[in-house]
């Protein structure tokens, strides 16, 4: 009987890349907008540590409304602008990055018009609908093909989702990640996609992403701090993977109403 603790070792390209790690951040709403800031902080820290950093594309086809202000930190002057453009412009000016805004949905239906045909090393989805997650999974299962170039190889998918007071972050591998020999741990090369592991649970949910007409209405759907907490903890999961090169957790379930956190172990 194997009593060793399960551990997933990060793909070596995350630790020693020749170029900035490419990230597709999908969704610029409550969680996605916060995640963009966390990625910018990570990028700044990586560069200070001698790592090439991150190159981020932010995908969202929505525009800023008054209902977004407060929860998503948009200014009065940004109302009416595409969310992705407003957020990327602000981030680039503040951090000196050259990240890109894509004012289209990330979908298998429009891959030809997306930068690099939608390929990146890391995907972070902060989307509202179940259908968008299954569409992403369909793309990711077929995106690598015969591609052996690490710069374009899709490695990980981090999905963040939430209800009013609860949320989850789940890290998946796009394909099997070669693991080193270890006498200390039972290495885990594959982390399952949430669309496979929780398929029936997801299919039982109904999509309801109708926009809110006011901030008060938006707060009835999602607590003021659930998005920021989820984004910060999700970014911490990625940070650990980069900095330590391995992780024993591949996500978590969060209940902000009861202040409970349940980690999800690898293996």
Protein backbone atom coordinates (compact mmCIF):
# COMPACT_ATOMS: atom_id res chain seq x y z
CA UNK A 1 0.00 0.00 0.00
CA UNK A 2 1.38 3.38 -1.04
CA UNK A 3 1.13 5.80 1.90
CA UNK A 4 3.10 8.62 0.28
CA UNK A 5 1.40 12.02 0.01
CA UNK A 6 0.23 12.98 -3.47
CA UNK A 7 2.08 15.83 -5.15
CA UNK A 8 1.90 17.49 -8.55
CA UNK A 9 5.12 18.96 -9.90
CA UNK A 10 4.73 21.96 -12.19
CA UNK A 11 5.77 21.80 -15.81
CA UNK A 12 9.39 22.93 -15.99
CA UNK A 13 8.55 25.68 -18.48
CA UNK A 14 6.73 27.60 -15.75
CA UNK A 15 9.86 27.61 -13.64
CA UNK A 16 12.52 28.20 -16.30
CA UNK A 17 10.83 29.75 -19.35
CA UNK A 18 12.69 31.29 -22.25
CA UNK A 19 9.87 33.78 -22.77
CA UNK A 20 7.08 35.32 -20.66
CA UNK A 21 4.41 32.79 -19.72
CA UNK A 22 1.32 33.44 -21.84
CA UNK A 23 -1.97 33.70 -19.98
CA UNK A 24 -5.49 33.92 -21.38
CA UNK A 25 -7.74 35.50 -18.75
CA UNK A 26 -11.33 34.91 -19.83
CA UNK A 27 -13.93 37.18 -18.29
CA UNK A 28 -13.52 40.72 -16.94
CA UNK A 29 -16.37 40.75 -14.44
CA UNK A 30 -16.22 40.75 -10.66
CA UNK A 31 -13.66 37.95 -10.37
CA UNK A 32 -11.82 38.46 -13.67
CA UNK A 33 -11.18 42.15 -13.04
CA UNK A 34 -9.69 41.34 -9.64
CA UNK A 35 -7.65 38.48 -11.06
CA UNK A 36 -6.10 40.84 -13.59
CA UNK A 37 -4.71 42.94 -10.74
CA UNK A 38 -3.36 39.84 -8.98
CA UNK A 39 -1.66 38.72 -12.20
CA UNK A 40 -0.08 42.17 -12.57
CA UNK A 41 1.29 41.94 -9.02
CA UNK A 42 2.62 38.46 -9.75
CA UNK A 43 4.23 39.63 -12.98
CA UNK A 44 5.96 42.54 -11.23
CA UNK A 45 7.28 40.17 -8.55
CA UNK A 46 8.41 37.54 -11.07
CA UNK A 47 10.47 40.07 -13.00
CA UNK A 48 12.10 41.28 -9.78
CA UNK A 49 13.07 37.65 -9.11
CA UNK A 50 14.66 37.21 -12.54
CA UNK A 51 11.73 35.38 -14.18
CA UNK A 52 10.54 36.64 -17.62
CA UNK A 53 7.07 37.26 -16.17
CA UNK A 54 3.65 36.99 -17.78
CA UNK A 55 2.03 38.12 -21.02
CA UNK A 56 -1.74 38.37 -20.55
CA UNK A 57 -4.65 38.56 -22.97
CA UNK A 58 -7.95 39.60 -21.36
CA UNK A 59 -11.09 38.41 -23.15
CA UNK A 60 -14.51 40.02 -22.61
CA UNK A 61 -17.12 41.40 -25.00
CA UNK A 62 -19.11 43.31 -22.35
CA UNK A 63 -19.13 47.05 -21.60
CA UNK A 64 -18.98 48.87 -18.27
CA UNK A 65 -22.34 49.86 -16.75
CA UNK A 66 -23.25 51.72 -13.57
CA UNK A 67 -24.16 48.38 -11.95
CA UNK A 68 -20.53 47.29 -12.32
CA UNK A 69 -19.17 50.17 -10.26
CA UNK A 70 -18.27 49.39 -6.66
CA UNK A 71 -17.96 45.63 -7.04
CA UNK A 72 -15.68 45.85 -10.07
CA UNK A 73 -13.93 49.17 -9.38
CA UNK A 74 -14.77 51.04 -12.55
CA UNK A 75 -14.71 54.83 -12.56
CA UNK A 76 -17.51 57.10 -13.85
CA UNK A 77 -15.35 57.96 -16.87
CA UNK A 78 -15.12 54.28 -17.80
CA UNK A 79 -18.88 53.67 -18.04
CA UNK A 80 -19.69 52.67 -21.62
CA UNK A 81 -16.17 51.47 -22.43
CA UNK A 82 -15.41 47.81 -23.18
CA UNK A 83 -14.46 46.21 -19.87
CA UNK A 84 -11.37 44.53 -21.27
CA UNK A 85 -10.06 47.78 -22.78
CA UNK A 86 -10.66 49.83 -19.63
CA UNK A 87 -8.95 47.28 -17.39
CA UNK A 88 -5.98 46.55 -19.65
CA UNK A 89 -5.31 50.24 -20.31
CA UNK A 90 -5.33 50.94 -16.59
CA UNK A 91 -3.05 47.98 -15.83
CA UNK A 92 -0.58 48.82 -18.59
CA UNK A 93 -0.31 52.44 -17.47
CA UNK A 94 0.22 51.50 -13.83
CA UNK A 95 2.57 48.53 -14.19
CA UNK A 96 4.25 49.33 -17.51
CA UNK A 97 3.06 46.09 -19.09
CA UNK A 98 2.07 45.55 -22.71
CA UNK A 99 -0.89 43.26 -22.14
CA UNK A 100 -3.72 42.98 -24.64
CA UNK A 101 -7.49 43.46 -24.49
CA UNK A 102 -9.67 41.27 -26.71
CA UNK A 103 -13.24 42.54 -27.03
CA UNK A 104 -14.60 39.17 -28.12
CA UNK A 105 -15.85 36.13 -26.31
CA UNK A 106 -13.39 33.28 -26.01
CA UNK A 107 -15.26 30.61 -27.95
CA UNK A 108 -14.61 27.69 -30.27
CA UNK A 109 -16.84 29.53 -32.75
CA UNK A 110 -14.37 32.39 -33.30
CA UNK A 111 -10.92 30.90 -32.71
CA UNK A 112 -9.59 32.12 -36.05
CA UNK A 113 -10.01 35.75 -34.98
CA UNK A 114 -8.40 35.33 -31.54
CA UNK A 115 -4.72 36.07 -30.80
CA UNK A 116 -2.59 32.99 -31.51
CA UNK A 117 -5.83 31.13 -32.30
CA UNK A 118 -6.65 31.09 -28.60
CA UNK A 119 -3.52 29.25 -27.49
CA UNK A 120 -1.65 30.11 -24.28
CA UNK A 121 0.33 28.36 -21.56
CA UNK A 122 -2.26 29.08 -18.85
CA UNK A 123 -6.01 29.70 -19.06
CA UNK A 124 -7.94 31.34 -16.26
CA UNK A 125 -11.70 31.33 -16.71
CA UNK A 126 -13.92 33.67 -14.71
CA UNK A 127 -17.13 33.08 -16.63
CA UNK A 128 -20.80 33.13 -15.63
CA UNK A 129 -22.21 30.19 -17.55
CA UNK A 130 -21.87 26.42 -17.55
CA UNK A 131 -22.01 26.36 -21.35
CA UNK A 132 -18.92 28.59 -21.54
CA UNK A 133 -16.99 26.13 -19.37
CA UNK A 134 -17.91 23.14 -21.52
CA UNK A 135 -16.99 25.11 -24.63
CA UNK A 136 -13.59 25.88 -23.11
CA UNK A 137 -13.07 22.24 -22.20
CA UNK A 138 -13.83 21.18 -25.78
CA UNK A 139 -11.19 23.59 -27.04
CA UNK A 140 -8.55 22.68 -24.46
CA UNK A 141 -8.83 18.94 -25.04
CA UNK A 142 -7.84 19.47 -28.66
CA UNK A 143 -5.64 22.57 -28.58
CA UNK A 144 -2.19 20.99 -28.34
CA UNK A 145 -2.39 18.45 -31.13
CA UNK A 146 1.13 17.89 -32.43
CA UNK A 147 2.42 21.13 -30.97
CA UNK A 148 5.71 20.47 -29.15
CA UNK A 149 6.84 24.09 -28.86
CA UNK A 150 6.73 25.03 -25.18
CA UNK A 151 6.04 28.68 -25.95
CA UNK A 152 2.67 27.72 -27.47
CA UNK A 153 1.93 24.61 -25.42
CA UNK A 154 -1.20 24.77 -23.29
CA UNK A 155 -0.38 23.53 -19.80
CA UNK A 156 -2.95 24.50 -17.16
CA UNK A 157 -6.55 25.66 -16.76
CA UNK A 158 -7.67 27.43 -13.58
CA UNK A 159 -11.43 27.89 -13.35
CA UNK A 160 -12.98 30.27 -10.83
CA UNK A 161 -16.71 30.34 -10.19
CA UNK A 162 -18.99 31.64 -7.49
CA UNK A 163 -22.53 32.09 -6.24
CA UNK A 164 -23.62 34.76 -3.75
CA UNK A 165 -21.44 33.68 -0.82
CA UNK A 166 -19.67 30.58 -2.09
CA UNK A 167 -17.10 29.85 -4.75
CA UNK A 168 -14.47 27.43 -5.96
CA UNK A 169 -11.17 27.36 -7.79
CA UNK A 170 -10.10 24.22 -9.63
CA UNK A 171 -6.75 23.73 -11.36
CA UNK A 172 -6.57 21.24 -14.24
CA UNK A 173 -3.81 20.06 -16.54
CA UNK A 174 -4.48 20.34 -20.26
CA UNK A 175 -2.46 17.20 -20.91
CA UNK A 176 -0.27 14.96 -18.82
CA UNK A 177 2.67 16.76 -17.20
CA UNK A 178 5.86 14.72 -16.95
CA UNK A 179 6.77 14.24 -13.31
CA UNK A 180 10.24 13.75 -11.81
CA UNK A 181 11.20 10.65 -9.88
CA UNK A 182 10.43 11.15 -6.21
CA UNK A 183 11.08 9.05 -3.13
CA UNK A 184 9.12 11.45 -0.94
CA UNK A 185 5.84 11.81 -2.83
CA UNK A 186 3.44 9.93 -5.05
CA UNK A 187 3.59 12.14 -8.13
CA UNK A 188 0.40 13.01 -10.02
CA UNK A 189 0.88 13.89 -13.71
CA UNK A 190 -2.76 14.75 -14.55
CA UNK A 191 -5.26 16.96 -12.74
CA UNK A 192 -8.81 16.33 -14.03
CA UNK A 193 -10.88 19.03 -15.69
CA UNK A 194 -13.87 20.21 -13.69
CA UNK A 195 -16.11 19.48 -16.71
CA UNK A 196 -15.16 15.81 -16.38
CA UNK A 197 -15.01 15.52 -12.61
CA UNK A 198 -18.18 17.52 -11.91
CA UNK A 199 -19.96 16.96 -15.21
CA UNK A 200 -23.33 15.88 -13.81
CA UNK A 201 -23.35 18.64 -11.20
CA UNK A 202 -22.60 21.28 -13.85
CA UNK A 203 -25.20 19.93 -16.27
CA UNK A 204 -27.84 20.15 -13.53
CA UNK A 205 -27.26 23.91 -13.23
CA UNK A 206 -29.06 26.45 -15.35
CA UNK A 207 -27.29 29.38 -16.99
CA UNK A 208 -28.50 32.73 -15.71
CA UNK A 209 -26.21 35.61 -16.54
CA UNK A 210 -28.76 38.36 -16.99
CA UNK A 211 -27.11 41.74 -16.30
CA UNK A 212 -28.04 43.66 -13.17
CA UNK A 213 -29.67 47.05 -13.55
CA UNK A 214 -28.06 48.54 -10.43
CA UNK A 215 -25.34 47.91 -7.88
CA UNK A 216 -28.00 47.08 -5.28
CA UNK A 217 -29.42 44.38 -7.56
CA UNK A 218 -25.93 43.05 -8.28
CA UNK A 219 -25.24 42.73 -4.55
CA UNK A 220 -28.34 40.58 -4.19
CA UNK A 221 -26.69 38.08 -6.53
CA UNK A 222 -23.10 38.20 -5.23
CA UNK A 223 -21.63 39.39 -1.94
CA UNK A 224 -19.38 42.44 -2.14
CA UNK A 225 -16.20 40.53 -1.24
CA UNK A 226 -16.68 37.06 -2.74
CA UNK A 227 -15.01 37.95 -6.06
CA UNK A 228 -11.96 39.62 -4.51
CA UNK A 229 -11.45 36.76 -2.03
CA UNK A 230 -11.78 34.12 -4.74
CA UNK A 231 -9.38 35.92 -7.10
CA UNK A 232 -6.75 36.46 -4.40
CA UNK A 233 -6.81 32.84 -3.27
CA UNK A 234 -6.85 31.53 -6.84
CA UNK A 235 -3.82 33.68 -7.64
CA UNK A 236 -2.13 32.33 -4.51
CA UNK A 237 -2.59 28.80 -5.85
CA UNK A 238 -0.79 29.78 -9.07
CA UNK A 239 1.90 31.68 -7.18
CA UNK A 240 2.65 28.58 -5.10
CA UNK A 241 2.88 26.46 -8.24
CA UNK A 242 5.40 28.89 -9.77
CA UNK A 243 7.48 29.60 -6.69
CA UNK A 244 7.63 26.13 -5.14
CA UNK A 245 7.38 24.17 -8.37
CA UNK A 246 4.85 21.77 -6.89
CA UNK A 247 1.53 21.67 -5.11
CA UNK A 248 -0.37 19.22 -2.94
CA UNK A 249 -3.62 21.13 -3.55
CA UNK A 250 -5.31 21.70 -6.87
CA UNK A 251 -8.03 24.03 -5.68
CA UNK A 252 -10.53 24.78 -2.97
CA UNK A 253 -14.16 25.33 -2.07
CA UNK A 254 -14.88 28.61 -0.29
CA UNK A 255 -17.86 29.64 1.82
CA UNK A 256 -17.54 33.30 2.73
CA UNK A 257 -20.82 33.20 4.65
CA UNK A 258 -19.35 30.81 7.23
CA UNK A 259 -15.68 31.67 6.59
CA UNK A 260 -14.90 28.07 5.74
CA UNK A 261 -12.33 26.87 3.24
CA UNK A 262 -12.03 23.28 2.03
CA UNK A 263 -8.87 22.50 0.02
CA UNK A 264 -8.98 20.00 -2.85
CA UNK A 265 -5.98 17.65 -2.77
CA UNK A 266 -4.25 16.38 -5.88
CA UNK A 267 -4.54 12.66 -6.54
